[in-house]
């Protein structure tokens, strides 16, 4: 089976799942976030789907031959993700369900 198709299918499944959770007004928590990560990255087990990273991550501009962004240290990721998911626990003032915002970040 084509890896690209499997990757797109995983992303589609994760987005659809977020829509279902939003309709139920479910709360986005760490386990849900990791499950979504598994859905999106599950086609490649070397990407550690469903788990936080344990090493560094960065964005490199190959043309300029320089690093343009360095992610936070791996040991900070669980706390940062907890802070991130806390943003989606209450509806916005305009009534938008919190998981609708979360779906846009996936």
PDB file of N, CA and C in Angstrom:
ATOM      1  N   UNK A   1       0.841  -1.178   0.000  1.00  0.00           N
ATOM      2  CA  UNK A   1       0.000   0.000   0.000  1.00  0.00           C
ATOM      3  C   UNK A   1       0.892   1.251   0.000  1.00  0.00           C
ATOM      4  N   UNK A   2       0.465   2.295  -0.641  1.00  0.00           N
ATOM      5  CA  UNK A   2       1.229   3.530  -0.776  1.00  0.00           C
ATOM      6  C   UNK A   2       1.339   4.276   0.559  1.00  0.00           C
ATOM      7  N   UNK A   3       2.576   4.584   0.979  1.00  0.00           N
ATOM      8  CA  UNK A   3       2.810   5.281   2.258  1.00  0.00           C
ATOM      9  C   UNK A   3       2.146   6.657   2.297  1.00  0.00           C
ATOM     10  N   UNK A   4       2.165   7.362   1.173  1.00  0.00           N
ATOM     11  CA  UNK A   4       1.545   8.693   1.144  1.00  0.00           C
ATOM     12  C   UNK A   4       0.054   8.578   1.403  1.00  0.00           C
ATOM     13  N   UNK A   5      -0.591   7.604   0.776  1.00  0.00           N
ATOM     14  CA  UNK A   5      -2.019   7.419   0.981  1.00  0.00           C
ATOM     15  C   UNK A   5      -2.299   7.080   2.438  1.00  0.00           C
ATOM     16  N   UNK A   6      -1.488   6.220   3.028  1.00  0.00           N
ATOM     17  CA  UNK A   6      -1.672   5.835   4.433  1.00  0.00           C
ATOM     18  C   UNK A   6      -1.496   7.057   5.342  1.00  0.00           C
ATOM     19  N   UNK A   7      -0.509   7.899   5.046  1.00  0.00           N
ATOM     20  CA  UNK A   7      -0.279   9.099   5.859  1.00  0.00           C
ATOM     21  C   UNK A   7      -1.468  10.059   5.755  1.00  0.00           C
ATOM     22  N   UNK A   8      -1.963  10.275   4.551  1.00  0.00           N
ATOM     23  CA  UNK A   8      -3.115  11.164   4.358  1.00  0.00           C
ATOM     24  C   UNK A   8      -4.342  10.593   5.048  1.00  0.00           C
ATOM     25  N   UNK A   9      -4.530   9.292   4.960  1.00  0.00           N
ATOM     26  CA  UNK A   9      -5.668   8.641   5.629  1.00  0.00           C
ATOM     27  C   UNK A   9      -5.581   8.833   7.140  1.00  0.00           C
ATOM     28  N   UNK A  10      -4.381   8.701   7.712  1.00  0.00           N
ATOM     29  CA  UNK A  10      -4.216   8.917   9.151  1.00  0.00           C
ATOM     30  C   UNK A  10      -4.569  10.340   9.554  1.00  0.00           C
ATOM     31  N   UNK A  11      -4.124  11.312   8.768  1.00  0.00           N
ATOM     32  CA  UNK A  11      -4.454  12.709   9.053  1.00  0.00           C
ATOM     33  C   UNK A  11      -5.961  12.928   8.949  1.00  0.00           C
ATOM     34  N   UNK A  12      -6.579  12.362   7.934  1.00  0.00           N
ATOM     35  CA  UNK A  12      -8.030  12.482   7.765  1.00  0.00           C
ATOM     36  C   UNK A  12      -8.768  11.851   8.945  1.00  0.00           C
ATOM     37  N   UNK A  13      -8.321  10.684   9.380  1.00  0.00           N
ATOM     38  CA  UNK A  13      -8.954  10.019  10.528  1.00  0.00           C
ATOM     39  C   UNK A  13      -8.831  10.879  11.787  1.00  0.00           C
ATOM     40  N   UNK A  14      -7.663  11.463  12.007  1.00  0.00           N
ATOM     41  CA  UNK A  14      -7.450  12.291  13.192  1.00  0.00           C
ATOM     42  C   UNK A  14      -8.356  13.522  13.161  1.00  0.00           C
ATOM     43  N   UNK A  15      -8.466  14.148  12.008  1.00  0.00           N
ATOM     44  CA  UNK A  15      -9.320  15.335  11.883  1.00  0.00           C
ATOM     45  C   UNK A  15     -10.789  14.973  12.092  1.00  0.00           C
ATOM     46  N   UNK A  16     -11.202  13.860  11.528  1.00  0.00           N
ATOM     47  CA  UNK A  16     -12.586  13.405  11.712  1.00  0.00           C
ATOM     48  C   UNK A  16     -12.848  13.077  13.176  1.00  0.00           C
ATOM     49  N   UNK A  17     -11.895  12.437  13.822  1.00  0.00           N
ATOM     50  CA  UNK A  17     -12.040  12.111  15.239  1.00  0.00           C
ATOM     51  C   UNK A  17     -12.180  13.387  16.074  1.00  0.00           C
ATOM     52  N   UNK A  18     -11.417  14.404  15.745  1.00  0.00           N
ATOM     53  CA  UNK A  18     -11.548  15.683  16.462  1.00  0.00           C
ATOM     54  C   UNK A  18     -12.936  16.284  16.262  1.00  0.00           C
ATOM     55  N   UNK A  19     -13.494  16.140  15.075  1.00  0.00           N
ATOM     56  CA  UNK A  19     -14.844  16.644  14.826  1.00  0.00           C
ATOM     57  C   UNK A  19     -15.867  15.911  15.692  1.00  0.00           C
ATOM     58  N   UNK A  20     -15.692  14.599  15.826  1.00  0.00           N
ATOM     59  CA  UNK A  20     -16.586  13.806  16.684  1.00  0.00           C
ATOM     60  C   UNK A  20     -16.457  14.263  18.136  1.00  0.00           C
ATOM     61  N   UNK A  21     -15.234  14.446  18.607  1.00  0.00           N
ATOM     62  CA  UNK A  21     -15.019  14.909  19.978  1.00  0.00           C
ATOM     63  C   UNK A  21     -15.609  16.299  20.190  1.00  0.00           C
ATOM     64  N   UNK A  22     -15.462  17.173  19.205  1.00  0.00           N
ATOM     65  CA  UNK A  22     -16.011  18.530  19.319  1.00  0.00           C
ATOM     66  C   UNK A  22     -17.534  18.484  19.417  1.00  0.00           C
ATOM     67  N   UNK A  23     -18.167  17.623  18.636  1.00  0.00           N
ATOM     68  CA  UNK A  23     -19.623  17.498  18.676  1.00  0.00           C
ATOM     69  C   UNK A  23     -20.096  16.998  20.041  1.00  0.00           C
ATOM     70  N   UNK A  24     -19.277  16.172  20.679  1.00  0.00           N
ATOM     71  CA  UNK A  24     -19.596  15.658  22.018  1.00  0.00           C
ATOM     72  C   UNK A  24     -19.175  16.623  23.108  1.00  0.00           C
ATOM     73  N   UNK A  25     -18.513  17.718  22.707  1.00  0.00           N
ATOM     74  CA  UNK A  25     -17.971  18.706  23.646  1.00  0.00           C
ATOM     75  C   UNK A  25     -17.001  18.043  24.617  1.00  0.00           C
ATOM     76  N   UNK A  26     -16.231  17.098  24.077  1.00  0.00           N
ATOM     77  CA  UNK A  26     -15.237  16.401  24.879  1.00  0.00           C
ATOM     78  C   UNK A  26     -14.043  17.309  25.150  1.00  0.00           C
ATOM     79  N   UNK A  27     -13.314  16.973  26.181  1.00  0.00           N
ATOM     80  CA  UNK A  27     -12.139  17.750  26.578  1.00  0.00           C
ATOM     81  C   UNK A  27     -10.890  17.159  25.920  1.00  0.00           C
ATOM     82  N   UNK A  28     -10.056  18.031  25.390  1.00  0.00           N
ATOM     83  CA  UNK A  28      -8.790  17.579  24.823  1.00  0.00           C
ATOM     84  C   UNK A  28      -7.796  17.429  25.962  1.00  0.00           C
ATOM     85  N   UNK A  29      -7.300  16.211  26.148  1.00  0.00           N
ATOM     86  CA  UNK A  29      -6.311  15.980  27.189  1.00  0.00           C
ATOM     87  C   UNK A  29      -5.093  15.283  26.583  1.00  0.00           C
ATOM     88  N   UNK A  30      -4.131  14.981  27.424  1.00  0.00           N
ATOM     89  CA  UNK A  30      -2.885  14.404  26.943  1.00  0.00           C
ATOM     90  C   UNK A  30      -3.101  13.084  26.209  1.00  0.00           C
ATOM     91  N   UNK A  31      -3.935  12.221  26.743  1.00  0.00           N
ATOM     92  CA  UNK A  31      -4.137  10.920  26.101  1.00  0.00           C
ATOM     93  C   UNK A  31      -4.791  11.077  24.733  1.00  0.00           C
ATOM     94  N   UNK A  32      -5.716  12.014  24.599  1.00  0.00           N
ATOM     95  CA  UNK A  32      -6.348  12.266  23.305  1.00  0.00           C
ATOM     96  C   UNK A  32      -5.325  12.812  22.319  1.00  0.00           C
ATOM     97  N   UNK A  33      -4.496  13.728  22.783  1.00  0.00           N
ATOM     98  CA  UNK A  33      -3.464  14.311  21.930  1.00  0.00           C
ATOM     99  C   UNK A  33      -2.495  13.238  21.430  1.00  0.00           C
ATOM    100  N   UNK A  34      -2.079  12.359  22.315  1.00  0.00           N
ATOM    101  CA  UNK A  34      -1.158  11.294  21.919  1.00  0.00           C
ATOM    102  C   UNK A  34      -1.835  10.293  20.985  1.00  0.00           C
ATOM    103  N   UNK A  35      -3.128  10.057  21.179  1.00  0.00           N
ATOM    104  CA  UNK A  35      -3.864   9.179  20.266  1.00  0.00           C
ATOM    105  C   UNK A  35      -3.935   9.802  18.871  1.00  0.00           C
ATOM    106  N   UNK A  36      -4.169  11.103  18.812  1.00  0.00           N
ATOM    107  CA  UNK A  36      -4.187  11.800  17.526  1.00  0.00           C
ATOM    108  C   UNK A  36      -2.816  11.727  16.855  1.00  0.00           C
ATOM    109  N   UNK A  37      -1.777  11.887  17.646  1.00  0.00           N
ATOM    110  CA  UNK A  37      -0.423  11.784  17.118  1.00  0.00           C
ATOM    111  C   UNK A  37      -0.191  10.384  16.533  1.00  0.00           C
ATOM    112  N   UNK A  38      -0.699   9.369  17.219  1.00  0.00           N
ATOM    113  CA  UNK A  38      -0.561   8.010  16.709  1.00  0.00           C
ATOM    114  C   UNK A  38      -1.285   7.855  15.377  1.00  0.00           C
ATOM    115  N   UNK A  39      -2.488   8.431  15.272  1.00  0.00           N
ATOM    116  CA  UNK A  39      -3.251   8.328  14.027  1.00  0.00           C
ATOM    117  C   UNK A  39      -2.495   8.965  12.862  1.00  0.00           C
ATOM    118  N   UNK A  40      -1.886  10.111  13.116  1.00  0.00           N
ATOM    119  CA  UNK A  40      -1.201  10.855  12.055  1.00  0.00           C
ATOM    120  C   UNK A  40       0.147  10.226  11.707  1.00  0.00           C
ATOM    121  N   UNK A  41       0.869   9.719  12.692  1.00  0.00           N
ATOM    122  CA  UNK A  41       2.226   9.209  12.463  1.00  0.00           C
ATOM    123  C   UNK A  41       2.326   7.685  12.477  1.00  0.00           C
ATOM    124  N   UNK A  42       1.226   6.997  12.684  1.00  0.00           N
ATOM    125  CA  UNK A  42       1.249   5.548  12.843  1.00  0.00           C
ATOM    126  C   UNK A  42       1.747   4.772  11.640  1.00  0.00           C
ATOM    127  N   UNK A  43       1.779   5.391  10.481  1.00  0.00           N
ATOM    128  CA  UNK A  43       2.257   4.704   9.285  1.00  0.00           C
ATOM    129  C   UNK A  43       3.765   4.434   9.335  1.00  0.00           C
ATOM    130  N   UNK A  44       4.469   5.097  10.279  1.00  0.00           N
ATOM    131  CA  UNK A  44       5.918   4.942  10.366  1.00  0.00           C
ATOM    132  C   UNK A  44       6.312   4.812  11.837  1.00  0.00           C
ATOM    133  N   UNK A  45       6.494   3.590  12.307  1.00  0.00           N
ATOM    134  CA  UNK A  45       6.781   3.355  13.722  1.00  0.00           C
ATOM    135  C   UNK A  45       8.109   3.964  14.167  1.00  0.00           C
ATOM    136  N   UNK A  46       8.998   4.269  13.231  1.00  0.00           N
ATOM    137  CA  UNK A  46      10.264   4.913  13.599  1.00  0.00           C
ATOM    138  C   UNK A  46      10.046   6.351  14.068  1.00  0.00           C
ATOM    139  N   UNK A  47       8.857   6.896  13.820  1.00  0.00           N
ATOM    140  CA  UNK A  47       8.521   8.253  14.262  1.00  0.00           C
ATOM    141  C   UNK A  47       7.956   8.280  15.683  1.00  0.00           C
ATOM    142  N   UNK A  48       7.933   7.139  16.342  1.00  0.00           N
ATOM    143  CA  UNK A  48       7.419   7.017  17.715  1.00  0.00           C
ATOM    144  C   UNK A  48       5.994   7.554  17.850  1.00  0.00           C
ATOM    145  N   UNK A  49       5.072   7.060  17.024  1.00  0.00           N
ATOM    146  CA  UNK A  49       3.702   7.562  17.095  1.00  0.00           C
ATOM    147  C   UNK A  49       3.084   7.329  18.468  1.00  0.00           C
ATOM    148  N   UNK A  50       2.401   8.347  18.963  1.00  0.00           N
ATOM    149  CA  UNK A  50       1.727   8.251  20.253  1.00  0.00           C
ATOM    150  C   UNK A  50       2.621   8.518  21.444  1.00  0.00           C
ATOM    151  N   UNK A  51       3.854   8.945  21.188  1.00  0.00           N
ATOM    152  CA  UNK A  51       4.790   9.232  22.280  1.00  0.00           C
ATOM    153  C   UNK A  51       5.441  10.589  22.035  1.00  0.00           C
ATOM    154  N   UNK A  52       5.804  11.249  23.119  1.00  0.00           N
ATOM    155  CA  UNK A  52       6.552  12.492  22.986  1.00  0.00           C
ATOM    156  C   UNK A  52       7.970  12.172  22.538  1.00  0.00           C
ATOM    157  N   UNK A  53       8.569  13.113  21.859  1.00  0.00           N
ATOM    158  CA  UNK A  53       9.935  12.906  21.373  1.00  0.00           C
ATOM    159  C   UNK A  53      10.907  12.846  22.545  1.00  0.00           C
ATOM    160  N   UNK A  54      12.031  12.177  22.297  1.00  0.00           N
ATOM    161  CA  UNK A  54      13.043  12.055  23.350  1.00  0.00           C
ATOM    162  C   UNK A  54      14.372  12.687  22.947  1.00  0.00           C
ATOM    163  N   UNK A  55      14.348  13.430  21.869  1.00  0.00           N
ATOM    164  CA  UNK A  55      15.565  14.094  21.403  1.00  0.00           C
ATOM    165  C   UNK A  55      15.258  15.484  20.886  1.00  0.00           C
ATOM    166  N   UNK A  56      16.271  16.073  20.277  1.00  0.00           N
ATOM    167  CA  UNK A  56      16.106  17.432  19.780  1.00  0.00           C
ATOM    168  C   UNK A  56      15.329  17.450  18.465  1.00  0.00           C
ATOM    169  N   UNK A  57      14.788  18.607  18.157  1.00  0.00           N
ATOM    170  CA  UNK A  57      14.096  18.825  16.892  1.00  0.00           C
ATOM    171  C   UNK A  57      14.409  20.251  16.449  1.00  0.00           C
ATOM    172  N   UNK A  58      14.570  20.410  15.148  1.00  0.00           N
ATOM    173  CA  UNK A  58      14.895  21.735  14.640  1.00  0.00           C
ATOM    174  C   UNK A  58      14.425  21.853  13.200  1.00  0.00           C
ATOM    175  N   UNK A  59      14.355  23.094  12.734  1.00  0.00           N
ATOM    176  CA  UNK A  59      14.036  23.386  11.341  1.00  0.00           C
ATOM    177  C   UNK A  59      15.290  23.990  10.732  1.00  0.00           C
ATOM    178  N   UNK A  60      15.699  23.415   9.620  1.00  0.00           N
ATOM    179  CA  UNK A  60      16.929  23.864   8.970  1.00  0.00           C
ATOM    180  C   UNK A  60      16.600  24.415   7.585  1.00  0.00           C
ATOM    181  N   UNK A  61      17.116  25.584   7.282  1.00  0.00           N
ATOM    182  CA  UNK A  61      16.982  26.189   5.961  1.00  0.00           C
ATOM    183  C   UNK A  61      18.172  25.717   5.133  1.00  0.00           C
ATOM    184  N   UNK A  62      17.931  24.767   4.257  1.00  0.00           N
ATOM    185  CA  UNK A  62      19.024  24.195   3.468  1.00  0.00           C
ATOM    186  C   UNK A  62      19.657  25.229   2.529  1.00  0.00           C
ATOM    187  N   UNK A  63      18.827  26.106   1.959  1.00  0.00           N
ATOM    188  CA  UNK A  63      19.367  27.120   1.046  1.00  0.00           C
ATOM    189  C   UNK A  63      20.319  28.063   1.758  1.00  0.00           C
ATOM    190  N   UNK A  64      19.927  28.500   2.953  1.00  0.00           N
ATOM    191  CA  UNK A  64      20.761  29.429   3.723  1.00  0.00           C
ATOM    192  C   UNK A  64      21.803  28.689   4.564  1.00  0.00           C
ATOM    193  N   UNK A  65      21.671  27.367   4.624  1.00  0.00           N
ATOM    194  CA  UNK A  65      22.583  26.529   5.416  1.00  0.00           C
ATOM    195  C   UNK A  65      22.646  26.965   6.875  1.00  0.00           C
ATOM    196  N   UNK A  66      21.441  27.130   7.442  1.00  0.00           N
ATOM    197  CA  UNK A  66      21.397  27.515   8.854  1.00  0.00           C
ATOM    198  C   UNK A  66      20.134  26.970   9.507  1.00  0.00           C
ATOM    199  N   UNK A  67      20.208  26.801  10.812  1.00  0.00           N
ATOM    200  CA  UNK A  67      19.057  26.388  11.607  1.00  0.00           C
ATOM    201  C   UNK A  67      18.221  27.627  11.893  1.00  0.00           C
ATOM    202  N   UNK A  68      16.934  27.554  11.573  1.00  0.00           N
ATOM    203  CA  UNK A  68      16.066  28.716  11.768  1.00  0.00           C
ATOM    204  C   UNK A  68      15.145  28.575  12.979  1.00  0.00           C
ATOM    205  N   UNK A  69      15.057  27.360  13.531  1.00  0.00           N
ATOM    206  CA  UNK A  69      14.244  27.158  14.742  1.00  0.00           C
ATOM    207  C   UNK A  69      14.750  25.925  15.471  1.00  0.00           C
ATOM    208  N   UNK A  70      14.845  26.032  16.779  1.00  0.00           N
ATOM    209  CA  UNK A  70      15.190  24.896  17.630  1.00  0.00           C
ATOM    210  C   UNK A  70      14.045  24.716  18.619  1.00  0.00           C
ATOM    211  N   UNK A  71      13.502  23.504  18.666  1.00  0.00           N
ATOM    212  CA  UNK A  71      12.410  23.225  19.589  1.00  0.00           C
ATOM    213  C   UNK A  71      12.913  23.176  21.019  1.00  0.00           C
ATOM    214  N   UNK A  72      11.994  23.248  21.963  1.00  0.00           N
ATOM    215  CA  UNK A  72      12.390  23.176  23.372  1.00  0.00           C
ATOM    216  C   UNK A  72      13.001  21.814  23.688  1.00  0.00           C
ATOM    217  N   UNK A  73      13.773  21.739  24.757  1.00  0.00           N
ATOM    218  CA  UNK A  73      14.352  20.444  25.152  1.00  0.00           C
ATOM    219  C   UNK A  73      13.257  19.392  25.351  1.00  0.00           C
ATOM    220  N   UNK A  74      13.562  18.161  24.987  1.00  0.00           N
ATOM    221  CA  UNK A  74      12.581  17.071  25.045  1.00  0.00           C
ATOM    222  C   UNK A  74      11.951  16.919  26.424  1.00  0.00           C
ATOM    223  N   UNK A  75      12.731  17.121  27.473  1.00  0.00           N
ATOM    224  CA  UNK A  75      12.171  16.926  28.826  1.00  0.00           C
ATOM    225  C   UNK A  75      11.112  17.973  29.179  1.00  0.00           C
ATOM    226  N   UNK A  76      11.039  19.075  28.434  1.00  0.00           N
ATOM    227  CA  UNK A  76      10.025  20.104  28.675  1.00  0.00           C
ATOM    228  C   UNK A  76       8.720  19.837  27.914  1.00  0.00           C
ATOM    229  N   UNK A  77       8.769  18.958  26.930  1.00  0.00           N
ATOM    230  CA  UNK A  77       7.625  18.754  26.045  1.00  0.00           C
ATOM    231  C   UNK A  77       6.359  18.316  26.785  1.00  0.00           C
ATOM    232  N   UNK A  78       6.398  17.335  27.699  1.00  0.00           N
ATOM    233  CA  UNK A  78       5.146  16.960  28.372  1.00  0.00           C
ATOM    234  C   UNK A  78       4.472  18.131  29.090  1.00  0.00           C
ATOM    235  N   UNK A  79       5.224  18.943  29.807  1.00  0.00           N
ATOM    236  CA  UNK A  79       4.634  20.096  30.499  1.00  0.00           C
ATOM    237  C   UNK A  79       4.107  21.129  29.506  1.00  0.00           C
ATOM    238  N   UNK A  80       4.843  21.354  28.431  1.00  0.00           N
ATOM    239  CA  UNK A  80       4.393  22.311  27.417  1.00  0.00           C
ATOM    240  C   UNK A  80       3.107  21.832  26.739  1.00  0.00           C
ATOM    241  N   UNK A  81       3.013  20.530  26.504  1.00  0.00           N
ATOM    242  CA  UNK A  81       1.807  20.002  25.881  1.00  0.00           C
ATOM    243  C   UNK A  81       0.620  20.049  26.845  1.00  0.00           C
ATOM    244  N   UNK A  82       0.876  19.880  28.122  1.00  0.00           N
ATOM    245  CA  UNK A  82      -0.201  20.030  29.114  1.00  0.00           C
ATOM    246  C   UNK A  82      -0.726  21.467  29.097  1.00  0.00           C
ATOM    247  N   UNK A  83       0.188  22.412  29.038  1.00  0.00           N
ATOM    248  CA  UNK A  83      -0.193  23.828  28.947  1.00  0.00           C
ATOM    249  C   UNK A  83      -0.969  24.092  27.657  1.00  0.00           C
ATOM    250  N   UNK A  84      -0.519  23.508  26.566  1.00  0.00           N
ATOM    251  CA  UNK A  84      -1.187  23.661  25.276  1.00  0.00           C
ATOM    252  C   UNK A  84      -2.614  23.118  25.324  1.00  0.00           C
ATOM    253  N   UNK A  85      -2.794  21.913  25.857  1.00  0.00           N
ATOM    254  CA  UNK A  85      -4.132  21.324  25.894  1.00  0.00           C
ATOM    255  C   UNK A  85      -5.058  22.071  26.847  1.00  0.00           C
ATOM    256  N   UNK A  86      -4.510  22.739  27.849  1.00  0.00           N
ATOM    257  CA  UNK A  86      -5.340  23.515  28.779  1.00  0.00           C
ATOM    258  C   UNK A  86      -6.084  24.638  28.050  1.00  0.00           C
ATOM    259  N   UNK A  87      -5.537  25.086  26.928  1.00  0.00           N
ATOM    260  CA  UNK A  87      -6.205  26.139  26.146  1.00  0.00           C
ATOM    261  C   UNK A  87      -7.549  25.676  25.604  1.00  0.00           C
ATOM    262  N   UNK A  88      -7.747  24.364  25.509  1.00  0.00           N
ATOM    263  CA  UNK A  88      -8.940  23.830  24.872  1.00  0.00           C
ATOM    264  C   UNK A  88      -9.927  23.222  25.868  1.00  0.00           C
ATOM    265  N   UNK A  89      -9.977  23.774  27.074  1.00  0.00           N
ATOM    266  CA  UNK A  89     -10.883  23.214  28.082  1.00  0.00           C
ATOM    267  C   UNK A  89     -12.171  24.012  28.235  1.00  0.00           C
ATOM    268  N   UNK A  90     -12.231  25.200  27.712  1.00  0.00           N
ATOM    269  CA  UNK A  90     -13.435  26.026  27.847  1.00  0.00           C
ATOM    270  C   UNK A  90     -13.777  26.651  26.500  1.00  0.00           C
ATOM    271  N   UNK A  91     -15.080  26.773  26.197  1.00  0.00           N
ATOM    272  CA  UNK A  91     -15.475  27.392  24.929  1.00  0.00           C
ATOM    273  C   UNK A  91     -14.983  28.841  24.840  1.00  0.00           C
ATOM    274  N   UNK A  92     -14.726  29.264  23.626  1.00  0.00           N
ATOM    275  CA  UNK A  92     -14.349  30.655  23.402  1.00  0.00           C
ATOM    276  C   UNK A  92     -15.564  31.543  23.602  1.00  0.00           C
ATOM    277  N   UNK A  93     -15.306  32.817  23.767  1.00  0.00           N
ATOM    278  CA  UNK A  93     -16.388  33.783  23.988  1.00  0.00           C
ATOM    279  C   UNK A  93     -17.392  33.779  22.840  1.00  0.00           C
ATOM    280  N   UNK A  94     -16.942  33.481  21.614  1.00  0.00           N
ATOM    281  CA  UNK A  94     -17.856  33.475  20.469  1.00  0.00           C
ATOM    282  C   UNK A  94     -18.620  32.160  20.329  1.00  0.00           C
ATOM    283  N   UNK A  95     -18.437  31.231  21.298  1.00  0.00           N
ATOM    284  CA  UNK A  95     -19.170  29.976  21.294  1.00  0.00           C
ATOM    285  C   UNK A  95     -18.516  28.852  20.511  1.00  0.00           C
ATOM    286  N   UNK A  96     -17.385  29.119  19.903  1.00  0.00           N
ATOM    287  CA  UNK A  96     -16.682  28.073  19.161  1.00  0.00           C
ATOM    288  C   UNK A  96     -16.248  26.974  20.128  1.00  0.00           C
ATOM    289  N   UNK A  97     -16.584  25.722  19.822  1.00  0.00           N
ATOM    290  CA  UNK A  97     -16.146  24.638  20.705  1.00  0.00           C
ATOM    291  C   UNK A  97     -14.620  24.576  20.763  1.00  0.00           C
ATOM    292  N   UNK A  98     -14.060  24.316  21.929  1.00  0.00           N
ATOM    293  CA  UNK A  98     -12.616  24.283  22.056  1.00  0.00           C
ATOM    294  C   UNK A  98     -11.932  23.306  21.101  1.00  0.00           C
ATOM    295  N   UNK A  99     -12.565  22.166  20.847  1.00  0.00           N
ATOM    296  CA  UNK A  99     -11.924  21.195  19.970  1.00  0.00           C
ATOM    297  C   UNK A  99     -11.957  21.622  18.508  1.00  0.00           C
ATOM    298  N   UNK A 100     -12.811  22.572  18.160  1.00  0.00           N
ATOM    299  CA  UNK A 100     -12.771  23.105  16.799  1.00  0.00           C
ATOM    300  C   UNK A 100     -11.447  23.850  16.602  1.00  0.00           C
ATOM    301  N   UNK A 101     -11.033  24.596  17.614  1.00  0.00           N
ATOM    302  CA  UNK A 101      -9.722  25.247  17.560  1.00  0.00           C
ATOM    303  C   UNK A 101      -8.627  24.191  17.506  1.00  0.00           C
ATOM    304  N   UNK A 102      -8.767  23.158  18.302  1.00  0.00           N
ATOM    305  CA  UNK A 102      -7.750  22.105  18.328  1.00  0.00           C
ATOM    306  C   UNK A 102      -7.628  21.434  16.967  1.00  0.00           C
ATOM    307  N   UNK A 103      -8.739  21.227  16.300  1.00  0.00           N
ATOM    308  CA  UNK A 103      -8.705  20.592  14.976  1.00  0.00           C
ATOM    309  C   UNK A 103      -7.893  21.432  14.001  1.00  0.00           C
ATOM    310  N   UNK A 104      -7.920  22.714  14.153  1.00  0.00           N
ATOM    311  CA  UNK A 104      -7.182  23.591  13.250  1.00  0.00           C
ATOM    312  C   UNK A 104      -5.676  23.549  13.526  1.00  0.00           C
ATOM    313  N   UNK A 105      -5.276  23.057  14.686  1.00  0.00           N
ATOM    314  CA  UNK A 105      -3.850  22.993  15.000  1.00  0.00           C
ATOM    315  C   UNK A 105      -3.224  21.663  14.641  1.00  0.00           C
ATOM    316  N   UNK A 106      -4.057  20.682  14.317  1.00  0.00           N
ATOM    317  CA  UNK A 106      -3.497  19.357  14.037  1.00  0.00           C
ATOM    318  C   UNK A 106      -2.869  19.273  12.675  1.00  0.00           C
TER     319      UNK A 106
END
